[in-house]
């Protein structure tokens, strides 16, 4: 999700001067749009929002956000969280130790990691709808980011990536590979996923 905001975001100008708990490349991108990124630990987000130390904060999604009670103090819930399109479980293993494993043990580790990742995503997909309904029922406004915000964020992120390309060869190699794969997937999703999801959403809205 795109986070919790104390005020409505209706256009790009509404971002200027907003103190937001957001980190990493997303924070750098938001800074280009006029936001003032804040580095705040997860446990300090609620009191910081409540006291007005920050004006907005992003965390994860409906299930976790609802448990932390953000809906009680910030009444605007924005989407999509363009800086984190999905979730993933990461497993890091020392390369030398990995190479010492037998093929059978390597297969076990890969299988366990894959199952953990799939179960995590499935759990959130199952629990987020109920939590989202409860959040909206509490009086929170669920709103998409305006088009000018999305386009400005996309442009700013591309500028940041281009700058990183000149400074970090590893980032350039990995990111270019990811972009190529993403672009191929978008082509497929436009044919198979998006039309079906849009159609089913229309059918649902008609009852």
Protein backbone atom coordinates (compact mmCIF):
# COMPACT_ATOMS: atom_id res chain seq x y z
CA UNK A 1 0.00 0.00 0.00
CA UNK A 2 0.95 3.65 -0.45
CA UNK A 3 0.83 4.52 3.20
CA UNK A 4 -1.13 6.51 5.75
CA UNK A 5 -1.56 10.26 5.31
CA UNK A 6 -2.93 12.80 7.74
CA UNK A 7 -4.15 14.95 4.85
CA UNK A 8 -5.61 14.09 1.45
CA UNK A 9 -3.25 13.90 -1.49
CA UNK A 10 -5.09 15.23 -4.52
CA UNK A 11 -2.19 16.40 -6.66
CA UNK A 12 1.59 16.62 -6.81
CA UNK A 13 1.71 19.91 -4.92
CA UNK A 14 0.10 18.29 -1.88
CA UNK A 15 3.32 16.29 -1.33
CA UNK A 16 5.52 19.31 -0.80
CA UNK A 17 6.87 19.56 2.73
CA UNK A 18 5.15 16.39 3.94
CA UNK A 19 7.26 14.58 6.53
CA UNK A 20 6.91 10.89 5.69
CA UNK A 21 8.35 7.79 7.26
CA UNK A 22 9.86 6.13 4.20
CA UNK A 23 13.34 4.84 3.45
CA UNK A 24 15.67 3.62 0.73
CA UNK A 25 15.20 4.33 -2.96
CA UNK A 26 11.54 5.08 -2.29
CA UNK A 27 12.58 7.80 0.12
CA UNK A 28 14.98 9.25 -2.44
CA UNK A 29 12.22 9.26 -5.04
CA UNK A 30 9.75 10.91 -2.69
CA UNK A 31 12.35 13.54 -1.82
CA UNK A 32 12.47 14.51 -5.49
CA UNK A 33 8.72 15.12 -5.28
CA UNK A 34 9.05 17.45 -2.31
CA UNK A 35 8.49 14.99 0.53
CA UNK A 36 10.83 15.09 3.53
CA UNK A 37 11.76 11.42 4.23
CA UNK A 38 12.07 10.36 7.86
CA UNK A 39 13.95 7.33 9.17
CA UNK A 40 11.78 5.96 11.97
CA UNK A 41 11.75 2.45 13.45
CA UNK A 42 8.56 0.44 13.05
CA UNK A 43 7.65 0.66 16.73
CA UNK A 44 7.90 4.46 16.68
CA UNK A 45 5.61 5.06 13.69
CA UNK A 46 2.31 5.13 15.58
CA UNK A 47 3.37 7.63 18.30
CA UNK A 48 5.14 9.79 15.69
CA UNK A 49 1.98 9.98 13.59
CA UNK A 50 -0.17 10.55 16.65
CA UNK A 51 1.97 13.44 17.92
CA UNK A 52 2.37 15.03 14.49
CA UNK A 53 6.12 14.41 14.34
CA UNK A 54 5.45 12.96 10.88
CA UNK A 55 2.57 13.57 8.47
CA UNK A 56 2.57 10.22 6.70
CA UNK A 57 4.03 6.74 6.94
CA UNK A 58 4.23 3.59 4.86
CA UNK A 59 4.44 0.16 6.41
CA UNK A 60 3.25 -2.99 4.63
CA UNK A 61 -0.40 -3.55 3.80
CA UNK A 62 -3.91 -3.84 5.28
CA UNK A 63 -3.36 -6.91 7.48
CA UNK A 64 -0.27 -5.60 9.28
CA UNK A 65 -1.31 -1.95 9.12
CA UNK A 66 -4.66 -2.73 10.74
CA UNK A 67 -3.00 -4.61 13.60
CA UNK A 68 -0.81 -1.58 14.32
CA UNK A 69 -3.87 0.70 14.45
CA UNK A 70 -2.76 3.36 11.98
CA UNK A 71 -6.40 3.84 10.94
CA UNK A 72 -7.06 5.44 14.33
CA UNK A 73 -4.81 8.44 13.69
CA UNK A 74 -4.41 8.85 9.91
CA UNK A 75 -7.59 8.82 7.85
CA UNK A 76 -6.21 8.68 4.31
CA UNK A 77 -4.94 5.32 3.01
CA UNK A 78 -3.26 5.65 -0.38
CA UNK A 79 -2.52 3.07 -3.06
CA UNK A 80 -0.66 1.58 -4.84
CA UNK A 81 2.62 1.22 -3.00
CA UNK A 82 4.56 1.71 -6.22
CA UNK A 83 7.91 1.39 -4.42
CA UNK A 84 7.16 -2.20 -3.39
CA UNK A 85 4.87 -3.99 -5.83
CA UNK A 86 4.95 -7.23 -3.87
CA UNK A 87 6.65 -9.03 -1.02
CA UNK A 88 9.43 -11.60 -1.01
CA UNK A 89 11.21 -13.72 1.55
CA UNK A 90 14.98 -13.62 1.15
CA UNK A 91 17.43 -16.31 2.22
CA UNK A 92 21.15 -15.50 2.21
CA UNK A 93 23.76 -18.24 2.47
CA UNK A 94 27.54 -17.95 2.45
CA UNK A 95 28.63 -19.00 -1.03
CA UNK A 96 31.47 -21.23 0.16
CA UNK A 97 29.17 -23.04 2.60
CA UNK A 98 26.53 -23.38 -0.12
CA UNK A 99 29.04 -25.03 -2.44
CA UNK A 100 29.88 -27.55 0.27
CA UNK A 101 26.30 -28.85 0.33
CA UNK A 102 25.35 -31.98 -1.56
CA UNK A 103 22.87 -31.67 -4.46
CA UNK A 104 20.18 -33.23 -2.24
CA UNK A 105 20.66 -30.65 0.51
CA UNK A 106 20.72 -27.81 -2.00
CA UNK A 107 17.40 -29.06 -3.36
CA UNK A 108 15.97 -29.16 0.18
CA UNK A 109 17.04 -25.56 0.89
CA UNK A 110 15.62 -24.32 -2.41
CA UNK A 111 12.37 -26.18 -1.83
CA UNK A 112 11.95 -24.88 1.71
CA UNK A 113 12.72 -21.31 0.64
CA UNK A 114 10.23 -21.52 -2.21
CA UNK A 115 7.49 -22.87 0.05
CA UNK A 116 8.14 -20.19 2.68
CA UNK A 117 7.85 -17.46 0.05
CA UNK A 118 4.68 -18.88 -1.49
CA UNK A 119 3.01 -19.37 1.90
CA UNK A 120 3.83 -15.82 2.98
CA UNK A 121 2.32 -14.26 -0.15
CA UNK A 122 -0.72 -16.58 -0.02
CA UNK A 123 -1.32 -15.68 3.63
CA UNK A 124 -1.31 -11.95 2.91
CA UNK A 125 -3.52 -12.36 -0.16
CA UNK A 126 -6.02 -14.23 2.00
CA UNK A 127 -5.95 -11.86 4.99
CA UNK A 128 -5.66 -8.44 3.33
CA UNK A 129 -9.25 -8.20 1.95
CA UNK A 130 -10.90 -8.61 5.36
CA UNK A 131 -8.49 -6.15 6.96
CA UNK A 132 -9.06 -3.63 4.16
CA UNK A 133 -12.83 -3.83 4.66
CA UNK A 134 -12.41 -3.23 8.38
CA UNK A 135 -10.12 -0.27 7.74
CA UNK A 136 -12.60 1.37 5.36
CA UNK A 137 -15.50 0.61 7.74
CA UNK A 138 -13.66 2.58 10.42
CA UNK A 139 -14.02 5.76 8.36
CA UNK A 140 -10.70 5.76 6.51
CA UNK A 141 -10.65 7.15 2.95
CA UNK A 142 -9.14 4.64 0.52
CA UNK A 143 -7.70 6.61 -2.40
CA UNK A 144 -5.40 6.03 -5.37
CA UNK A 145 -2.42 8.28 -5.87
CA UNK A 146 -3.30 10.94 -8.45
CA UNK A 147 -1.96 10.38 -11.97
CA UNK A 148 0.44 13.33 -11.76
CA UNK A 149 1.98 11.86 -8.60
CA UNK A 150 2.42 8.46 -10.21
CA UNK A 151 4.01 9.91 -13.34
CA UNK A 152 6.31 12.21 -11.37
CA UNK A 153 7.37 9.32 -9.15
CA UNK A 154 8.11 7.16 -12.18
CA UNK A 155 10.19 9.92 -13.78
CA UNK A 156 12.08 10.63 -10.55
CA UNK A 157 12.83 6.95 -9.97
CA UNK A 158 14.24 6.57 -13.48
CA UNK A 159 16.54 9.53 -12.83
CA UNK A 160 17.76 7.94 -9.59
CA UNK A 161 18.41 4.61 -11.33
CA UNK A 162 20.31 6.33 -14.15
CA UNK A 163 22.51 8.07 -11.60
CA UNK A 164 23.15 4.79 -9.77
CA UNK A 165 24.14 3.17 -13.06
CA UNK A 166 27.16 5.48 -13.21
CA UNK A 167 28.19 4.73 -9.61
CA UNK A 168 27.38 1.07 -9.07
CA UNK A 169 28.12 -1.51 -11.74
CA UNK A 170 26.45 -4.30 -9.79
CA UNK A 171 23.24 -2.29 -9.44
CA UNK A 172 23.29 -1.52 -13.17
CA UNK A 173 23.73 -5.19 -14.10
CA UNK A 174 21.00 -6.43 -11.75
CA UNK A 175 18.52 -3.66 -12.49
CA UNK A 176 18.86 -3.90 -16.26
CA UNK A 177 18.22 -7.64 -16.01
CA UNK A 178 15.17 -7.09 -13.81
CA UNK A 179 13.79 -4.40 -16.11
CA UNK A 180 14.08 -6.63 -19.16
CA UNK A 181 12.21 -9.42 -17.38
CA UNK A 182 9.58 -7.01 -16.02
CA UNK A 183 8.88 -5.60 -19.46
CA UNK A 184 8.31 -9.07 -20.86
CA UNK A 185 6.00 -9.90 -17.96
CA UNK A 186 4.00 -6.69 -18.46
CA UNK A 187 3.37 -7.74 -22.06
CA UNK A 188 2.01 -11.08 -20.85
CA UNK A 189 0.00 -9.60 -17.97
CA UNK A 190 -1.63 -7.11 -20.36
CA UNK A 191 -2.91 -10.07 -22.38
CA UNK A 192 -3.82 -12.57 -19.66
CA UNK A 193 -4.04 -11.03 -16.19
CA UNK A 194 -5.18 -7.41 -16.52
CA UNK A 195 -8.20 -7.96 -18.84
CA UNK A 196 -9.45 -10.87 -16.73
CA UNK A 197 -9.01 -9.03 -13.42
CA UNK A 198 -10.72 -5.93 -14.84
CA UNK A 199 -13.62 -8.00 -16.17
CA UNK A 200 -14.11 -9.84 -12.87
CA UNK A 201 -14.01 -6.55 -10.96
CA UNK A 202 -16.74 -5.18 -13.24
CA UNK A 203 -18.87 -8.29 -12.73
CA UNK A 204 -18.43 -8.04 -8.97
CA UNK A 205 -19.41 -4.37 -8.95
CA UNK A 206 -22.65 -5.29 -10.76
CA UNK A 207 -23.47 -7.84 -8.09
